[in-house]
Amino acid sequence: MVKESSVGKRVRSYRERLDMSIYDLAKKSGIAEDTINAIEKGEVLPALGVLTKLSRALGQRLGTFMDDQFKPDPIVTRAADLEARKIQQEGKNELGYASHSLAIGKPDRHMDPFRIEFAADGVDEVSSHEGEELIICISGEVELTYGAEKTTLKPGDTAYYNSVVKHGLRALGGKPASIYGVVFMPF
């Protein structure tokens, strides 16, 4: 059981504000009812692709479900804070990666930046959503699946792509990997 999740509470809150049933949200987002139910109960932390689909179906930006507080600009995320989140397994999901927002506290943002840590044995899964993404490999090797293509990224390599094409990322070589990723979704 995952610790009580503010993400799940927010998904439920926005769904209820729109007077949507879980069935309605599942139909609109393409996410299974069982998955939505588990997210709302805090039994599972959603992968970014799942949360992206839910946020779009609820008419909200991705950060709405991840921010806990407002901070004045500039938003600075210290490396030590990211390391502490990693140690606590914060943001870890069933696909074998942990995502850490780099913009917590900035509700008026138009991009969602993350540091993502991939486990060595992560699942190879693809998803799609509106918008664009930029990723920067910072450690290990990462495989980017983009449509039918697969590309290996090494530290320092970047990829920028249209997110409507099915895409996914995972660590290669039986070793963990990490990236910085920025997601932009038009609203």
Protein backbone atom coordinates (compact mmCIF):
# COMPACT_ATOMS: atom_id res chain seq x y z
CA MET A 1 0.00 0.00 0.00
CA VAL A 2 1.38 3.40 -1.04
CA LYS A 3 1.32 6.16 1.57
CA GLU A 4 -1.80 8.30 1.42
CA SER A 5 -1.61 10.11 -1.90
CA SER A 6 -2.54 13.74 -2.48
CA VAL A 7 -2.53 12.87 -6.20
CA GLY A 8 -5.41 10.43 -5.74
CA LYS A 9 -7.33 12.87 -3.56
CA ARG A 10 -6.97 15.59 -6.19
CA VAL A 11 -8.06 13.33 -9.04
CA ARG A 12 -11.18 12.38 -7.05
CA SER A 13 -11.82 16.02 -6.07
CA TYR A 14 -11.67 17.32 -9.66
CA ARG A 15 -13.72 14.36 -10.93
CA GLU A 16 -16.41 15.05 -8.33
CA ARG A 17 -16.39 18.81 -9.08
CA LEU A 18 -17.24 17.91 -12.67
CA ASP A 19 -19.93 15.50 -11.44
CA MET A 20 -18.18 12.66 -13.28
CA SER A 21 -18.36 9.04 -12.29
CA ILE A 22 -15.25 6.88 -12.40
CA TYR A 23 -16.82 5.24 -15.45
CA ASP A 24 -17.16 8.65 -17.17
CA LEU A 25 -13.54 9.55 -16.39
CA ALA A 26 -12.35 6.16 -17.64
CA LYS A 27 -14.24 6.60 -20.89
CA LYS A 28 -12.96 10.16 -21.42
CA SER A 29 -9.33 9.44 -20.44
CA GLY A 30 -8.89 5.92 -21.81
CA ILE A 31 -7.68 4.75 -18.37
CA ALA A 32 -9.26 1.62 -16.87
CA GLU A 33 -11.84 2.13 -14.09
CA ASP A 34 -9.89 -0.19 -11.78
CA THR A 35 -6.76 1.91 -12.26
CA ILE A 36 -8.60 5.17 -11.53
CA ASN A 37 -10.17 3.63 -8.44
CA ALA A 38 -6.75 2.45 -7.19
CA ILE A 39 -5.25 5.91 -7.83
CA GLU A 40 -8.05 7.66 -5.96
CA LYS A 41 -7.68 5.28 -3.01
CA GLY A 42 -3.91 5.89 -2.90
CA GLU A 43 -3.15 2.24 -3.66
CA VAL A 44 -1.03 3.16 -6.66
CA LEU A 45 0.88 6.23 -7.82
CA PRO A 46 0.08 6.85 -11.49
CA ALA A 47 2.79 6.90 -14.13
CA LEU A 48 3.20 10.30 -15.84
CA GLY A 49 1.42 9.09 -18.99
CA VAL A 50 -1.59 7.97 -16.96
CA LEU A 51 -1.67 11.18 -14.94
CA THR A 52 -1.37 13.20 -18.14
CA LYS A 53 -4.43 11.49 -19.63
CA LEU A 54 -6.40 12.01 -16.41
CA SER A 55 -5.40 15.68 -16.17
CA ARG A 56 -6.50 16.32 -19.76
CA ALA A 57 -9.81 14.51 -19.23
CA LEU A 58 -10.40 16.64 -16.13
CA GLY A 59 -9.45 19.86 -17.93
CA GLN A 60 -6.42 20.53 -15.72
CA ARG A 61 -2.70 20.83 -16.31
CA LEU A 62 -0.45 18.05 -15.05
CA GLY A 63 1.01 20.12 -12.21
CA THR A 64 -2.42 20.60 -10.63
CA PHE A 65 -2.17 17.07 -9.27
CA MET A 66 1.43 17.32 -8.10
CA ASP A 67 1.75 20.73 -6.39
CA ASP A 68 1.39 20.98 -2.64
CA GLN A 69 2.17 24.64 -2.11
CA PHE A 70 2.80 28.00 -3.76
CA LYS A 71 6.32 29.44 -3.81
CA PRO A 72 7.44 32.75 -5.35
CA ASP A 73 9.74 32.66 -8.40
CA PRO A 74 12.34 31.42 -8.95
CA ILE A 75 11.58 27.82 -8.03
CA VAL A 76 14.87 26.22 -7.01
CA THR A 77 15.14 22.47 -6.48
CA ARG A 78 18.28 21.42 -4.65
CA ALA A 79 20.08 18.23 -5.66
CA ALA A 80 20.07 17.13 -2.00
CA ASP A 81 16.26 17.41 -1.93
CA LEU A 82 15.97 15.23 -5.04
CA GLU A 83 18.30 12.66 -3.48
CA ALA A 84 16.16 12.60 -0.31
CA ARG A 85 13.03 11.96 -2.42
CA LYS A 86 14.84 9.17 -4.24
CA ILE A 87 15.86 7.51 -0.96
CA GLN A 88 12.28 7.76 0.31
CA GLN A 89 11.03 6.16 -2.94
CA GLU A 90 8.73 9.18 -3.41
CA GLY A 91 7.01 9.15 -6.77
CA LYS A 92 7.93 5.51 -7.55
CA ASN A 93 5.29 3.77 -9.64
CA GLU A 94 4.44 0.30 -10.93
CA LEU A 95 6.41 0.83 -14.16
CA GLY A 96 9.72 0.95 -12.29
CA TYR A 97 10.54 4.64 -12.36
CA ALA A 98 10.26 7.54 -9.95
CA SER A 99 9.39 11.03 -11.17
CA HIS A 100 10.20 14.11 -9.14
CA SER A 101 8.66 17.45 -10.09
CA LEU A 102 11.11 20.33 -10.42
CA ALA A 103 8.38 22.97 -10.26
CA ILE A 104 6.43 22.20 -7.11
CA GLY A 105 4.88 25.42 -5.89
CA LYS A 106 4.55 27.17 -9.28
CA PRO A 107 0.87 26.89 -10.16
CA ASP A 108 1.05 29.32 -13.12
CA ARG A 109 3.59 27.30 -15.11
CA HIS A 110 3.16 26.21 -18.72
CA MET A 111 5.74 23.41 -18.63
CA ASP A 112 6.17 20.51 -16.23
CA PRO A 113 9.84 19.70 -15.57
CA PHE A 114 10.84 16.43 -13.89
CA ARG A 115 13.83 14.40 -12.85
CA ILE A 116 13.04 10.78 -13.59
CA GLU A 117 14.93 7.80 -12.15
CA PHE A 118 14.52 4.50 -14.02
CA ALA A 119 15.03 1.16 -12.28
CA ALA A 120 17.20 -1.40 -14.04
CA ASP A 121 14.21 -3.70 -14.53
CA GLY A 122 11.58 -1.14 -15.59
CA VAL A 123 8.65 -1.95 -17.84
CA ASP A 124 8.71 -0.98 -21.52
CA GLU A 125 5.38 0.80 -21.98
CA VAL A 126 4.29 3.53 -24.40
CA SER A 127 1.65 6.24 -24.16
CA SER A 128 0.65 9.39 -26.00
CA HIS A 129 -0.87 12.77 -25.11
CA GLU A 130 -1.06 16.27 -26.52
CA GLY A 131 2.01 18.45 -26.38
CA GLU A 132 5.76 18.18 -26.65
CA GLU A 133 8.58 16.77 -24.53
CA LEU A 134 12.27 17.40 -24.10
CA ILE A 135 14.41 14.83 -22.33
CA ILE A 136 18.07 15.01 -21.33
CA CYS A 137 19.84 11.81 -20.32
CA ILE A 138 21.99 12.42 -17.24
CA SER A 139 23.10 8.92 -16.25
CA GLY A 140 22.99 5.37 -17.57
CA GLU A 141 21.52 4.52 -20.95
CA VAL A 142 17.88 5.15 -21.79
CA GLU A 143 15.91 3.66 -24.65
CA LEU A 144 13.38 6.02 -26.23
CA THR A 145 10.58 4.29 -28.10
CA TYR A 146 8.97 6.78 -30.48
CA GLY A 147 6.37 5.26 -32.77
CA ALA A 148 8.09 2.24 -34.32
CA GLU A 149 11.62 3.62 -33.73
CA LYS A 150 13.90 2.86 -30.81
CA THR A 151 16.80 5.18 -30.00
CA THR A 152 19.46 4.79 -27.29
CA LEU A 153 20.37 7.93 -25.33
CA LYS A 154 23.57 8.23 -23.30
CA PRO A 155 24.53 10.91 -20.75
CA GLY A 156 24.37 14.33 -22.40
CA ASP A 157 22.11 13.16 -25.25
CA THR A 158 18.75 14.85 -25.69
CA ALA A 159 15.51 14.13 -27.51
CA TYR A 160 12.70 16.56 -28.34
CA TYR A 161 9.47 15.20 -29.76
CA ASN A 162 5.76 15.58 -30.34
CA SER A 163 3.94 13.70 -27.57
CA VAL A 164 0.93 12.68 -29.68
CA VAL A 165 3.11 9.92 -31.14
CA LYS A 166 3.21 6.87 -28.84
CA HIS A 167 6.41 7.07 -26.83
CA GLY A 168 8.10 5.51 -23.84
CA LEU A 169 11.38 5.39 -21.95
CA ARG A 170 13.26 2.72 -20.01
CA ALA A 171 16.75 2.00 -18.71
CA LEU A 172 19.03 -0.26 -20.76
CA GLY A 173 21.87 -2.61 -19.92
CA GLY A 174 20.44 -3.93 -16.68
CA LYS A 175 21.45 -0.72 -14.88
CA PRO A 176 19.42 2.22 -13.54
CA ALA A 177 19.33 5.47 -15.50
CA SER A 178 18.05 9.01 -15.01
CA ILE A 179 16.86 11.91 -17.14
CA TYR A 180 15.55 15.42 -16.88
CA GLY A 181 12.31 15.77 -18.78
CA VAL A 182 10.15 18.77 -19.61
CA VAL A 183 6.54 18.23 -20.69
CA PHE A 184 4.55 20.99 -22.40
CA MET A 185 0.85 20.52 -22.98
CA PRO A 186 -1.18 23.26 -24.62
CA PHE A 187 -4.24 24.24 -22.68
